[in-house]
PDB file of N, CA and C in Angstrom:
ATOM      1  N   MET A   1     -34.700  12.183  18.536  1.00  0.00           N
ATOM      2  CA  MET A   1     -33.671  12.532  17.622  1.00  0.00           C
ATOM      3  C   MET A   1     -32.565  11.641  17.600  1.00  0.00           C
ATOM      4  N   SER A   2     -31.956  11.203  16.809  1.00  0.00           N
ATOM      5  CA  SER A   2     -30.831  10.304  16.785  1.00  0.00           C
ATOM      6  C   SER A   2     -29.738  11.038  16.391  1.00  0.00           C
ATOM      7  N   ARG A   3     -28.625  10.856  16.962  1.00  0.00           N
ATOM      8  CA  ARG A   3     -27.259  11.616  16.373  1.00  0.00           C
ATOM      9  C   ARG A   3     -26.526  11.174  15.211  1.00  0.00           C
ATOM     10  N   ALA A   4     -26.185  11.843  14.620  1.00  0.00           N
ATOM     11  CA  ALA A   4     -25.528  11.428  13.048  1.00  0.00           C
ATOM     12  C   ALA A   4     -24.139  11.126  13.747  1.00  0.00           C
ATOM     13  N   SER A   5     -23.550   9.788  12.801  1.00  0.00           N
ATOM     14  CA  SER A   5     -22.342   9.568  13.079  1.00  0.00           C
ATOM     15  C   SER A   5     -21.160  10.179  12.122  1.00  0.00           C
ATOM     16  N   ILE A   6     -19.687  10.216  12.589  1.00  0.00           N
ATOM     17  CA  ILE A   6     -18.982  11.038  11.555  1.00  0.00           C
ATOM     18  C   ILE A   6     -19.083  10.650  10.182  1.00  0.00           C
ATOM     19  N   SER A   7     -19.358   9.331   9.981  1.00  0.00           N
ATOM     20  CA  SER A   7     -19.570   8.765   8.615  1.00  0.00           C
ATOM     21  C   SER A   7     -21.042   9.571   8.090  1.00  0.00           C
ATOM     22  N   ASP A   8     -21.725   9.768   8.669  1.00  0.00           N
ATOM     23  CA  ASP A   8     -22.725  10.189   7.866  1.00  0.00           C
ATOM     24  C   ASP A   8     -22.606  11.722   7.579  1.00  0.00           C
ATOM     25  N   VAL A   9     -21.755  12.509   8.210  1.00  0.00           N
ATOM     26  CA  VAL A   9     -21.513  13.786   7.769  1.00  0.00           C
ATOM     27  C   VAL A   9     -20.593  13.921   7.009  1.00  0.00           C
ATOM     28  N   MET A  10     -19.515  13.302   7.126  1.00  0.00           N
ATOM     29  CA  MET A  10     -18.113  13.305   6.150  1.00  0.00           C
ATOM     30  C   MET A  10     -17.943  12.329   5.054  1.00  0.00           C
ATOM     31  N   PRO A  11     -17.450  12.870   3.981  1.00  0.00           N
ATOM     32  CA  PRO A  11     -17.436  11.863   3.148  1.00  0.00           C
ATOM     33  C   PRO A  11     -16.636  10.732   3.318  1.00  0.00           C
ATOM     34  N   ALA A  12     -16.677   9.577   2.845  1.00  0.00           N
ATOM     35  CA  ALA A  12     -15.743   8.531   3.210  1.00  0.00           C
ATOM     36  C   ALA A  12     -15.042   8.141   1.857  1.00  0.00           C
ATOM     37  N   TYR A  13     -13.677   7.853   2.328  1.00  0.00           N
ATOM     38  CA  TYR A  13     -12.635   7.777   0.978  1.00  0.00           C
ATOM     39  C   TYR A  13     -12.101   6.164   1.292  1.00  0.00           C
ATOM     40  N   VAL A  14     -11.165   5.704   0.227  1.00  0.00           N
ATOM     41  CA  VAL A  14     -10.648   4.525   0.596  1.00  0.00           C
ATOM     42  C   VAL A  14      -9.235   4.796   0.017  1.00  0.00           C
ATOM     43  N   ALA A  15      -8.054   4.589   0.819  1.00  0.00           N
ATOM     44  CA  ALA A  15      -6.861   4.707   0.644  1.00  0.00           C
ATOM     45  C   ALA A  15      -6.342   3.363   0.012  1.00  0.00           C
ATOM     46  N   LYS A  16      -5.473   3.209  -1.130  1.00  0.00           N
ATOM     47  CA  LYS A  16      -5.037   1.849  -1.757  1.00  0.00           C
ATOM     48  C   LYS A  16      -3.552   2.165  -1.416  1.00  0.00           C
ATOM     49  N   ILE A  17      -3.055   1.445  -0.676  1.00  0.00           N
ATOM     50  CA  ILE A  17      -1.313   1.565  -0.481  1.00  0.00           C
ATOM     51  C   ILE A  17      -0.623   0.503  -0.973  1.00  0.00           C
ATOM     52  N   ILE A  18       0.674   0.640  -1.658  1.00  0.00           N
ATOM     53  CA  ILE A  18       1.215  -0.245  -2.025  1.00  0.00           C
ATOM     54  C   ILE A  18       2.651   0.146  -1.414  1.00  0.00           C
ATOM     55  N   VAL A  19       3.487  -0.624  -0.741  1.00  0.00           N
ATOM     56  CA  VAL A  19       4.751  -0.494   0.063  1.00  0.00           C
ATOM     57  C   VAL A  19       5.648  -1.550  -0.708  1.00  0.00           C
ATOM     58  N   THR A  20       6.719  -1.152  -1.304  1.00  0.00           N
ATOM     59  CA  THR A  20       7.614  -2.098  -1.763  1.00  0.00           C
ATOM     60  C   THR A  20       9.058  -2.045  -1.197  1.00  0.00           C
ATOM     61  N   VAL A  21       9.705  -3.056  -1.326  1.00  0.00           N
ATOM     62  CA  VAL A  21      11.300  -2.855  -0.769  1.00  0.00           C
ATOM     63  C   VAL A  21      12.027  -2.012  -2.224  1.00  0.00           C
ATOM     64  N   ARG A  22      12.655  -1.214  -1.597  1.00  0.00           N
ATOM     65  CA  ARG A  22      13.537  -0.212  -2.550  1.00  0.00           C
ATOM     66  C   ARG A  22      14.572  -1.062  -3.543  1.00  0.00           C
ATOM     67  N   LYS A  23      14.502  -0.676  -4.905  1.00  0.00           N
ATOM     68  CA  LYS A  23      15.597  -1.609  -5.916  1.00  0.00           C
ATOM     69  C   LYS A  23      16.678  -1.953  -5.465  1.00  0.00           C
ATOM     70  N   SER A  24      17.342  -0.887  -4.421  1.00  0.00           N
ATOM     71  CA  SER A  24      18.821  -1.052  -3.891  1.00  0.00           C
ATOM     72  C   SER A  24      18.900  -2.032  -2.524  1.00  0.00           C
ATOM     73  N   ILE A  25      17.783  -2.381  -2.141  1.00  0.00           N
ATOM     74  CA  ILE A  25      17.747  -3.245  -1.258  1.00  0.00           C
ATOM     75  C   ILE A  25      17.681  -5.030  -1.470  1.00  0.00           C
ATOM     76  N   LEU A  26      18.150  -5.649  -0.997  1.00  0.00           N
ATOM     77  CA  LEU A  26      18.306  -7.383  -1.662  1.00  0.00           C
ATOM     78  C   LEU A  26      16.804  -7.776  -0.992  1.00  0.00           C
ATOM     79  N   ASP A  27      15.852  -8.382  -1.933  1.00  0.00           N
ATOM     80  CA  ASP A  27      14.673  -8.797  -1.566  1.00  0.00           C
ATOM     81  C   ASP A  27      14.864 -10.518  -1.546  1.00  0.00           C
ATOM     82  N   PRO A  28      15.271 -10.928  -0.364  1.00  0.00           N
ATOM     83  CA  PRO A  28      15.441 -12.389  -0.384  1.00  0.00           C
ATOM     84  C   PRO A  28      14.148 -13.354  -0.429  1.00  0.00           C
ATOM     85  N   GLN A  29      13.005 -12.684   0.045  1.00  0.00           N
ATOM     86  CA  GLN A  29      11.769 -13.150  -0.689  1.00  0.00           C
ATOM     87  C   GLN A  29      11.212 -13.240  -1.792  1.00  0.00           C
ATOM     88  N   GLY A  30      11.660 -12.383  -2.491  1.00  0.00           N
ATOM     89  CA  GLY A  30      11.299 -12.097  -4.123  1.00  0.00           C
ATOM     90  C   GLY A  30      12.249 -13.104  -4.889  1.00  0.00           C
ATOM     91  N   LYS A  31      13.389 -13.173  -4.347  1.00  0.00           N
ATOM     92  CA  LYS A  31      14.213 -14.337  -5.109  1.00  0.00           C
ATOM     93  C   LYS A  31      13.943 -15.552  -4.933  1.00  0.00           C
ATOM     94  N   ALA A  32      13.251 -15.936  -3.741  1.00  0.00           N
ATOM     95  CA  ALA A  32      12.717 -17.327  -3.333  1.00  0.00           C
ATOM     96  C   ALA A  32      11.891 -17.666  -4.362  1.00  0.00           C
ATOM     97  N   ILE A  33      10.773 -16.870  -4.210  1.00  0.00           N
ATOM     98  CA  ILE A  33       9.442 -16.898  -5.030  1.00  0.00           C
ATOM     99  C   ILE A  33      10.166 -16.915  -7.002  1.00  0.00           C
ATOM    100  N   ARG A  34      11.144 -16.197  -7.104  1.00  0.00           N
ATOM    101  CA  ARG A  34      11.496 -15.829  -8.718  1.00  0.00           C
ATOM    102  C   ARG A  34      11.923 -17.572  -8.762  1.00  0.00           C
ATOM    103  N   HIS A  35      12.849 -17.851  -8.166  1.00  0.00           N
ATOM    104  CA  HIS A  35      13.618 -19.297  -8.047  1.00  0.00           C
ATOM    105  C   HIS A  35      12.458 -20.094  -8.214  1.00  0.00           C
ATOM    106  N   ALA A  36      11.545 -20.414  -7.339  1.00  0.00           N
ATOM    107  CA  ALA A  36      10.272 -21.315  -7.252  1.00  0.00           C
ATOM    108  C   ALA A  36       9.681 -21.437  -8.554  1.00  0.00           C
ATOM    109  N   LEU A  37       9.420 -20.262  -9.271  1.00  0.00           N
ATOM    110  CA  LEU A  37       8.432 -20.227 -10.462  1.00  0.00           C
ATOM    111  C   LEU A  37       9.579 -20.650 -11.447  1.00  0.00           C
ATOM    112  N   ALA A  38      11.004 -19.930 -11.477  1.00  0.00           N
ATOM    113  CA  ALA A  38      11.540 -20.637 -12.687  1.00  0.00           C
ATOM    114  C   ALA A  38      12.104 -22.268 -12.501  1.00  0.00           C
ATOM    115  N   GLU A  39      12.485 -22.469 -11.638  1.00  0.00           N
ATOM    116  CA  GLU A  39      13.274 -23.944 -11.233  1.00  0.00           C
ATOM    117  C   GLU A  39      12.224 -24.964 -11.280  1.00  0.00           C
ATOM    118  N   SER A  40      11.374 -24.587 -10.338  1.00  0.00           N
ATOM    119  CA  SER A  40      10.115 -25.584  -9.848  1.00  0.00           C
ATOM    120  C   SER A  40       9.091 -25.787 -10.387  1.00  0.00           C
ATOM    121  N   LEU A  41       8.576 -24.751 -11.483  1.00  0.00           N
ATOM    122  CA  LEU A  41       7.283 -24.514 -11.819  1.00  0.00           C
ATOM    123  C   LEU A  41       7.920 -24.349 -13.331  1.00  0.00           C
ATOM    124  N   ALA A  42       8.878 -24.495 -13.972  1.00  0.00           N
ATOM    125  CA  ALA A  42       9.305 -23.932 -15.170  1.00  0.00           C
ATOM    126  C   ALA A  42       8.703 -23.339 -16.017  1.00  0.00           C
ATOM    127  N   MET A  43       8.548 -21.854 -15.119  1.00  0.00           N
ATOM    128  CA  MET A  43       8.215 -20.945 -16.030  1.00  0.00           C
ATOM    129  C   MET A  43       9.216 -19.793 -16.431  1.00  0.00           C
ATOM    130  N   THR A  44       9.296 -19.521 -17.939  1.00  0.00           N
ATOM    131  CA  THR A  44      10.552 -18.992 -18.287  1.00  0.00           C
ATOM    132  C   THR A  44      10.046 -17.472 -18.443  1.00  0.00           C
ATOM    133  N   GLY A  45      10.963 -16.793 -18.486  1.00  0.00           N
ATOM    134  CA  GLY A  45      10.872 -15.282 -18.724  1.00  0.00           C
ATOM    135  C   GLY A  45      10.715 -14.347 -17.534  1.00  0.00           C
ATOM    136  N   ILE A  46      10.808 -15.093 -16.070  1.00  0.00           N
ATOM    137  CA  ILE A  46      10.442 -14.424 -15.343  1.00  0.00           C
ATOM    138  C   ILE A  46      11.810 -13.599 -14.659  1.00  0.00           C
ATOM    139  N   GLU A  47      12.263 -12.514 -14.876  1.00  0.00           N
ATOM    140  CA  GLU A  47      13.447 -11.989 -14.618  1.00  0.00           C
ATOM    141  C   GLU A  47      13.664 -11.584 -13.041  1.00  0.00           C
ATOM    142  N   ASP A  48      12.660 -10.961 -12.624  1.00  0.00           N
ATOM    143  CA  ASP A  48      12.890 -10.555 -11.091  1.00  0.00           C
ATOM    144  C   ASP A  48      11.455 -10.475 -10.682  1.00  0.00           C
ATOM    145  N   VAL A  49      11.625 -10.728  -9.048  1.00  0.00           N
ATOM    146  CA  VAL A  49      10.141 -10.542  -8.528  1.00  0.00           C
ATOM    147  C   VAL A  49      10.694  -9.667  -7.028  1.00  0.00           C
ATOM    148  N   ARG A  50       9.670  -8.767  -7.087  1.00  0.00           N
ATOM    149  CA  ARG A  50       9.835  -7.925  -5.816  1.00  0.00           C
ATOM    150  C   ARG A  50       8.542  -8.184  -4.877  1.00  0.00           C
ATOM    151  N   LEU A  51       8.810  -8.487  -3.508  1.00  0.00           N
ATOM    152  CA  LEU A  51       7.607  -8.627  -2.764  1.00  0.00           C
ATOM    153  C   LEU A  51       7.377  -7.608  -2.210  1.00  0.00           C
ATOM    154  N   GLY A  52       5.961  -6.860  -1.981  1.00  0.00           N
ATOM    155  CA  GLY A  52       5.395  -5.982  -1.426  1.00  0.00           C
ATOM    156  C   GLY A  52       4.310  -6.141  -0.151  1.00  0.00           C
ATOM    157  N   LYS A  53       3.769  -5.076   0.159  1.00  0.00           N
ATOM    158  CA  LYS A  53       2.688  -4.947   0.977  1.00  0.00           C
ATOM    159  C   LYS A  53       1.475  -4.308   0.587  1.00  0.00           C
ATOM    160  N   TYR A  54       0.214  -4.589   0.068  1.00  0.00           N
ATOM    161  CA  TYR A  54      -1.040  -3.944  -0.194  1.00  0.00           C
ATOM    162  C   TYR A  54      -1.984  -3.621   1.042  1.00  0.00           C
ATOM    163  N   ILE A  55      -2.325  -2.467   1.438  1.00  0.00           N
ATOM    164  CA  ILE A  55      -2.947  -1.939   2.596  1.00  0.00           C
ATOM    165  C   ILE A  55      -4.186  -1.201   1.845  1.00  0.00           C
ATOM    166  N   GLU A  56      -5.475  -1.193   2.569  1.00  0.00           N
ATOM    167  CA  GLU A  56      -6.609  -0.679   2.252  1.00  0.00           C
ATOM    168  C   GLU A  56      -7.054  -0.087   3.451  1.00  0.00           C
ATOM    169  N   MET A  57      -7.109   1.368   3.575  1.00  0.00           N
ATOM    170  CA  MET A  57      -7.929   1.995   4.676  1.00  0.00           C
ATOM    171  C   MET A  57      -8.785   3.073   4.307  1.00  0.00           C
ATOM    172  N   ARG A  58      -9.848   2.742   5.492  1.00  0.00           N
ATOM    173  CA  ARG A  58     -11.096   3.637   4.859  1.00  0.00           C
ATOM    174  C   ARG A  58     -10.980   4.870   5.767  1.00  0.00           C
ATOM    175  N   ILE A  59     -11.281   6.124   5.280  1.00  0.00           N
ATOM    176  CA  ILE A  59     -11.082   7.326   6.001  1.00  0.00           C
ATOM    177  C   ILE A  59     -12.164   8.235   5.811  1.00  0.00           C
ATOM    178  N   ASN A  60     -12.834   8.758   6.843  1.00  0.00           N
ATOM    179  CA  ASN A  60     -13.657   9.521   6.897  1.00  0.00           C
ATOM    180  C   ASN A  60     -13.070  11.055   6.978  1.00  0.00           C
ATOM    181  N   GLY A  61     -13.561  12.066   6.156  1.00  0.00           N
ATOM    182  CA  GLY A  61     -12.692  13.201   6.284  1.00  0.00           C
ATOM    183  C   GLY A  61     -13.554  14.217   5.314  1.00  0.00           C
ATOM    184  N   LYS A  62     -13.059  15.594   5.419  1.00  0.00           N
ATOM    185  CA  LYS A  62     -13.751  16.748   5.139  1.00  0.00           C
ATOM    186  C   LYS A  62     -13.669  16.820   3.478  1.00  0.00           C
ATOM    187  N   ASP A  63     -12.297  16.200   2.977  1.00  0.00           N
ATOM    188  CA  ASP A  63     -12.358  16.413   1.529  1.00  0.00           C
ATOM    189  C   ASP A  63     -11.502  15.380   0.970  1.00  0.00           C
ATOM    190  N   LYS A  64     -11.009  15.332  -0.294  1.00  0.00           N
ATOM    191  CA  LYS A  64      -9.908  14.137  -0.895  1.00  0.00           C
ATOM    192  C   LYS A  64      -8.631  14.713  -0.077  1.00  0.00           C
ATOM    193  N   LYS A  65      -8.426  15.721  -0.547  1.00  0.00           N
ATOM    194  CA  LYS A  65      -6.923  16.650   0.219  1.00  0.00           C
ATOM    195  C   LYS A  65      -6.402  15.890   1.438  1.00  0.00           C
ATOM    196  N   GLU A  66      -7.714  15.991   2.428  1.00  0.00           N
ATOM    197  CA  GLU A  66      -7.420  15.894   3.891  1.00  0.00           C
ATOM    198  C   GLU A  66      -7.239  14.221   3.939  1.00  0.00           C
ATOM    199  N   ALA A  67      -7.500  13.423   3.019  1.00  0.00           N
ATOM    200  CA  ALA A  67      -7.744  11.878   2.938  1.00  0.00           C
ATOM    201  C   ALA A  67      -6.362  11.631   2.563  1.00  0.00           C
ATOM    202  N   GLU A  68      -5.728  12.188   1.466  1.00  0.00           N
ATOM    203  CA  GLU A  68      -4.584  11.935   0.897  1.00  0.00           C
ATOM    204  C   GLU A  68      -3.395  12.547   2.201  1.00  0.00           C
ATOM    205  N   ARG A  69      -3.700  13.545   2.711  1.00  0.00           N
ATOM    206  CA  ARG A  69      -2.813  13.739   3.805  1.00  0.00           C
ATOM    207  C   ARG A  69      -2.408  12.850   4.768  1.00  0.00           C
ATOM    208  N   LEU A  70      -3.602  12.316   5.475  1.00  0.00           N
ATOM    209  CA  LEU A  70      -3.713  11.432   6.237  1.00  0.00           C
ATOM    210  C   LEU A  70      -3.058  10.242   5.713  1.00  0.00           C
ATOM    211  N   THR A  71      -3.341   9.806   4.776  1.00  0.00           N
ATOM    212  CA  THR A  71      -2.651   8.640   4.258  1.00  0.00           C
ATOM    213  C   THR A  71      -1.201   8.681   3.990  1.00  0.00           C
ATOM    214  N   GLY A  72      -0.723   9.910   3.544  1.00  0.00           N
ATOM    215  CA  GLY A  72       0.648   9.798   3.405  1.00  0.00           C
ATOM    216  C   GLY A  72       1.582  10.031   4.926  1.00  0.00           C
ATOM    217  N   GLN A  73       0.941  10.502   5.814  1.00  0.00           N
ATOM    218  CA  GLN A  73       1.183  10.488   7.181  1.00  0.00           C
ATOM    219  C   GLN A  73       1.367   8.911   7.717  1.00  0.00           C
ATOM    220  N   ALA A  74       0.422   8.332   7.600  1.00  0.00           N
ATOM    221  CA  ALA A  74       0.286   6.960   7.949  1.00  0.00           C
ATOM    222  C   ALA A  74       1.276   6.187   7.310  1.00  0.00           C
ATOM    223  N   CYS A  75       1.457   6.499   6.019  1.00  0.00           N
ATOM    224  CA  CYS A  75       2.628   5.492   5.227  1.00  0.00           C
ATOM    225  C   CYS A  75       3.951   5.955   5.965  1.00  0.00           C
ATOM    226  N   GLN A  76       4.378   7.464   6.168  1.00  0.00           N
ATOM    227  CA  GLN A  76       5.612   7.795   6.439  1.00  0.00           C
ATOM    228  C   GLN A  76       5.930   7.230   8.114  1.00  0.00           C
ATOM    229  N   LYS A  77       4.688   7.491   8.832  1.00  0.00           N
ATOM    230  CA  LYS A  77       4.932   7.024  10.318  1.00  0.00           C
ATOM    231  C   LYS A  77       4.877   5.789  10.483  1.00  0.00           C
ATOM    232  N   LEU A  78       4.218   5.061  10.090  1.00  0.00           N
ATOM    233  CA  LEU A  78       3.844   3.588  10.340  1.00  0.00           C
ATOM    234  C   LEU A  78       4.063   2.431   9.239  1.00  0.00           C
ATOM    235  N   LEU A  79       3.670   2.690   8.231  1.00  0.00           N
ATOM    236  CA  LEU A  79       3.167   1.548   7.285  1.00  0.00           C
ATOM    237  C   LEU A  79       4.443   1.055   6.488  1.00  0.00           C
ATOM    238  N   SER A  80       5.354   2.279   6.109  1.00  0.00           N
ATOM    239  CA  SER A  80       6.455   1.852   5.682  1.00  0.00           C
ATOM    240  C   SER A  80       7.815   2.249   6.337  1.00  0.00           C
ATOM    241  N   ASN A  81       9.005   1.474   6.008  1.00  0.00           N
ATOM    242  CA  ASN A  81      10.083   1.941   6.648  1.00  0.00           C
ATOM    243  C   ASN A  81      10.865   2.708   5.420  1.00  0.00           C
ATOM    244  N   PRO A  82      11.063   3.941   6.095  1.00  0.00           N
ATOM    245  CA  PRO A  82      11.921   4.906   4.747  1.00  0.00           C
ATOM    246  C   PRO A  82      12.992   4.587   4.896  1.00  0.00           C
ATOM    247  N   VAL A  83      13.766   3.738   5.252  1.00  0.00           N
ATOM    248  CA  VAL A  83      15.138   3.557   4.925  1.00  0.00           C
ATOM    249  C   VAL A  83      15.084   2.460   4.130  1.00  0.00           C
ATOM    250  N   MET A  84      14.259   1.244   4.033  1.00  0.00           N
ATOM    251  CA  MET A  84      14.243   0.414   2.883  1.00  0.00           C
ATOM    252  C   MET A  84      13.206   0.178   2.364  1.00  0.00           C
ATOM    253  N   GLU A  85      12.186   1.080   2.309  1.00  0.00           N
ATOM    254  CA  GLU A  85      10.909   0.874   1.201  1.00  0.00           C
ATOM    255  C   GLU A  85      10.291   2.304   0.931  1.00  0.00           C
ATOM    256  N   ASP A  86       9.889   2.048  -0.192  1.00  0.00           N
ATOM    257  CA  ASP A  86       8.733   2.985  -0.861  1.00  0.00           C
ATOM    258  C   ASP A  86       7.430   2.873  -1.055  1.00  0.00           C
ATOM    259  N   TYR A  87       6.775   3.594  -0.955  1.00  0.00           N
ATOM    260  CA  TYR A  87       5.177   3.690  -1.040  1.00  0.00           C
ATOM    261  C   TYR A  87       4.372   4.287  -2.050  1.00  0.00           C
ATOM    262  N   SER A  88       3.461   4.420  -2.443  1.00  0.00           N
ATOM    263  CA  SER A  88       2.486   5.020  -3.649  1.00  0.00           C
ATOM    264  C   SER A  88       1.389   4.562  -3.005  1.00  0.00           C
ATOM    265  N   PHE A  89       0.344   5.255  -3.356  1.00  0.00           N
ATOM    266  CA  PHE A  89      -1.045   5.509  -2.573  1.00  0.00           C
ATOM    267  C   PHE A  89      -1.924   5.921  -3.772  1.00  0.00           C
ATOM    268  N   THR A  90      -3.356   5.777  -3.833  1.00  0.00           N
ATOM    269  CA  THR A  90      -4.495   6.205  -4.536  1.00  0.00           C
ATOM    270  C   THR A  90      -5.445   6.312  -3.510  1.00  0.00           C
ATOM    271  N   VAL A  91      -6.278   7.557  -3.593  1.00  0.00           N
ATOM    272  CA  VAL A  91      -7.307   7.836  -2.729  1.00  0.00           C
ATOM    273  C   VAL A  91      -8.465   8.076  -3.375  1.00  0.00           C
ATOM    274  N   ASP A  92      -9.788   7.412  -3.387  1.00  0.00           N
ATOM    275  CA  ASP A  92     -10.720   7.600  -4.091  1.00  0.00           C
ATOM    276  C   ASP A  92     -11.940   7.680  -2.979  1.00  0.00           C
ATOM    277  N   GLU A  93     -13.064   8.642  -3.162  1.00  0.00           N
ATOM    278  CA  GLU A  93     -14.088   8.763  -2.643  1.00  0.00           C
ATOM    279  C   GLU A  93     -15.007   7.477  -2.804  1.00  0.00           C
ATOM    280  N   LEU A  94     -15.498   6.849  -1.703  1.00  0.00           N
ATOM    281  CA  LEU A  94     -16.530   5.899  -1.804  1.00  0.00           C
ATOM    282  C   LEU A  94     -17.780   6.125  -2.316  1.00  0.00           C
TER     283      LEU A  94
END
């Protein structure tokens, strides 16, 4: 008889996280991208560009609420800098 792994007994979730620089913080990379699009590539109408990070995490947990709690903790403790960045996320069952 084989032993079941955690993923066999607990539902799996995927957390999709977006971390962005706060609007009040200067984003030099975003400004450089905007400049390249407008000046080098002659793309008009682009007023602002903000650069961020996209992160996906797979989580095994007892329920969606637990997966959301773990995702929030990960964002607060490691994935974002609370002084300079904001984050948002969704959690869906796989």
